[in-house]
Amino acid sequence: MPRYFFDTYDGDVLVPDDEGQELEDLEAATAIAQEELPHMARDGLPDGDQRTFIVSVRDEAGQVVLRAALSLVVEYPSAMADRR
């Protein structure tokens, strides 16, 4: 079974995956990457109102075979209207 590595980036910190996971195929790796994004975003926005979370999936050769991203934006529409 191929091994895939899931490197994460939250806009500030890159966390490389040194262990990886043996998975059946790229489709299984895609599912894991997509599941990880909401967990990363759940911690909120420590430095502002906008952040993009990224999971890069590498194969055993070190090639990035998939990149999944989730952008989280917090807006305050009523506050913007009050400024007019």
C-alpha atoms as a PDB file:
ATOM      1  CA  MET A   1       0.000   0.000   0.000  1.00  0.00           C
ATOM      2  CA  PRO A   2       1.315   3.494  -0.778  1.00  0.00           C
ATOM      3  CA  ARG A   3       2.238   5.886   2.026  1.00  0.00           C
ATOM      4  CA  TYR A   4       0.957   9.472   1.989  1.00  0.00           C
ATOM      5  CA  PHE A   5       2.206  12.385   4.089  1.00  0.00           C
ATOM      6  CA  PHE A   6      -0.073  15.218   5.227  1.00  0.00           C
ATOM      7  CA  ASP A   7       1.702  18.546   5.762  1.00  0.00           C
ATOM      8  CA  THR A   8      -0.493  21.245   7.308  1.00  0.00           C
ATOM      9  CA  TYR A   9      -0.237  25.018   7.179  1.00  0.00           C
ATOM     10  CA  ASP A  10      -2.508  27.376   9.116  1.00  0.00           C
ATOM     11  CA  GLY A  11      -1.236  30.659   7.718  1.00  0.00           C
ATOM     12  CA  ASP A  12       1.467  30.909  10.372  1.00  0.00           C
ATOM     13  CA  VAL A  13       2.873  27.479  11.079  1.00  0.00           C
ATOM     14  CA  LEU A  14       3.880  24.699   8.686  1.00  0.00           C
ATOM     15  CA  VAL A  15       3.729  21.254  10.302  1.00  0.00           C
ATOM     16  CA  PRO A  16       5.415  18.605   8.152  1.00  0.00           C
ATOM     17  CA  ASP A  17       4.249  15.009   8.475  1.00  0.00           C
ATOM     18  CA  ASP A  18       7.277  12.778   8.999  1.00  0.00           C
ATOM     19  CA  GLU A  19       5.352   9.521   9.569  1.00  0.00           C
ATOM     20  CA  GLY A  20       2.636   9.431   6.927  1.00  0.00           C
ATOM     21  CA  GLN A  21      -0.119   6.863   6.582  1.00  0.00           C
ATOM     22  CA  GLU A  22      -0.470   3.799   4.428  1.00  0.00           C
ATOM     23  CA  LEU A  23      -3.634   4.205   2.398  1.00  0.00           C
ATOM     24  CA  GLU A  24      -5.275   2.342  -0.445  1.00  0.00           C
ATOM     25  CA  ASP A  25      -5.056   5.180  -2.962  1.00  0.00           C
ATOM     26  CA  LEU A  26      -5.092   8.934  -3.605  1.00  0.00           C
ATOM     27  CA  GLU A  27      -8.873   8.992  -3.175  1.00  0.00           C
ATOM     28  CA  ALA A  28      -8.457   7.839   0.443  1.00  0.00           C
ATOM     29  CA  ALA A  29      -5.770  10.490   0.985  1.00  0.00           C
ATOM     30  CA  THR A  30      -8.094  13.128  -0.459  1.00  0.00           C
ATOM     31  CA  ALA A  31     -10.813  12.193   2.022  1.00  0.00           C
ATOM     32  CA  ILE A  32      -8.402  12.519   4.949  1.00  0.00           C
ATOM     33  CA  ALA A  33      -7.135  15.912   3.749  1.00  0.00           C
ATOM     34  CA  GLN A  34     -10.697  17.213   3.411  1.00  0.00           C
ATOM     35  CA  GLU A  35     -11.610  15.941   6.877  1.00  0.00           C
ATOM     36  CA  GLU A  36      -8.585  17.642   8.446  1.00  0.00           C
ATOM     37  CA  LEU A  37      -9.398  21.168   7.217  1.00  0.00           C
ATOM     38  CA  PRO A  38     -12.433  21.836   9.469  1.00  0.00           C
ATOM     39  CA  HIS A  39     -10.467  20.568  12.481  1.00  0.00           C
ATOM     40  CA  MET A  40      -7.735  23.084  11.712  1.00  0.00           C
ATOM     41  CA  ALA A  41     -10.246  25.925  11.328  1.00  0.00           C
ATOM     42  CA  ARG A  42     -12.109  25.044  14.513  1.00  0.00           C
ATOM     43  CA  ASP A  43      -9.392  26.670  16.599  1.00  0.00           C
ATOM     44  CA  GLY A  44     -10.501  30.039  15.254  1.00  0.00           C
ATOM     45  CA  LEU A  45      -8.651  33.029  13.970  1.00  0.00           C
ATOM     46  CA  PRO A  46      -5.963  33.988  16.452  1.00  0.00           C
ATOM     47  CA  ASP A  47      -4.528  36.870  14.382  1.00  0.00           C
ATOM     48  CA  GLY A  48      -7.325  38.556  12.504  1.00  0.00           C
ATOM     49  CA  ASP A  49     -10.490  37.793  10.650  1.00  0.00           C
ATOM     50  CA  GLN A  50      -9.146  35.866   7.682  1.00  0.00           C
ATOM     51  CA  ARG A  51      -7.099  32.704   7.381  1.00  0.00           C
ATOM     52  CA  THR A  52      -6.468  30.010   4.777  1.00  0.00           C
ATOM     53  CA  PHE A  53      -5.795  26.499   6.028  1.00  0.00           C
ATOM     54  CA  ILE A  54      -3.898  24.123   3.735  1.00  0.00           C
ATOM     55  CA  VAL A  55      -3.221  20.399   3.715  1.00  0.00           C
ATOM     56  CA  SER A  56      -0.581  19.285   1.211  1.00  0.00           C
ATOM     57  CA  VAL A  57      -0.403  15.573   0.509  1.00  0.00           C
ATOM     58  CA  ARG A  58       2.931  14.096  -0.550  1.00  0.00           C
ATOM     59  CA  ASP A  59       3.588  10.639  -1.924  1.00  0.00           C
ATOM     60  CA  GLU A  60       6.485   8.387  -0.929  1.00  0.00           C
ATOM     61  CA  ALA A  61       8.752  10.116  -3.449  1.00  0.00           C
ATOM     62  CA  GLY A  62       8.090  13.490  -1.769  1.00  0.00           C
ATOM     63  CA  GLN A  63       6.000  14.874  -4.635  1.00  0.00           C
ATOM     64  CA  VAL A  64       2.937  16.930  -3.708  1.00  0.00           C
ATOM     65  CA  VAL A  65       0.042  15.025  -5.266  1.00  0.00           C
ATOM     66  CA  LEU A  66      -2.822  16.999  -3.735  1.00  0.00           C
ATOM     67  CA  ARG A  67      -3.347  20.344  -2.062  1.00  0.00           C
ATOM     68  CA  ALA A  68      -6.618  21.099  -0.268  1.00  0.00           C
ATOM     69  CA  ALA A  69      -7.401  24.529   1.168  1.00  0.00           C
ATOM     70  CA  LEU A  70     -10.134  26.094   3.249  1.00  0.00           C
ATOM     71  CA  SER A  71     -10.470  29.874   3.528  1.00  0.00           C
ATOM     72  CA  LEU A  72     -12.205  31.240   6.592  1.00  0.00           C
ATOM     73  CA  VAL A  73     -13.341  34.856   6.615  1.00  0.00           C
ATOM     74  CA  VAL A  74     -15.148  36.616   9.450  1.00  0.00           C
ATOM     75  CA  GLU A  75     -17.098  39.729   8.495  1.00  0.00           C
ATOM     76  CA  TYR A  76     -19.119  42.196  10.528  1.00  0.00           C
ATOM     77  CA  PRO A  77     -21.744  43.577   8.097  1.00  0.00           C
ATOM     78  CA  SER A  78     -23.637  45.646  10.682  1.00  0.00           C
ATOM     79  CA  ALA A  79     -20.399  47.268  11.869  1.00  0.00           C
ATOM     80  CA  MET A  80     -19.589  48.240   8.281  1.00  0.00           C
ATOM     81  CA  ALA A  81     -23.039  49.752   7.827  1.00  0.00           C
ATOM     82  CA  ASP A  82     -22.622  51.777  11.038  1.00  0.00           C
ATOM     83  CA  ARG A  83     -19.483  53.430   9.646  1.00  0.00           C
ATOM     84  CA  ARG A  84     -21.371  55.078   6.785  1.00  0.00           C
END
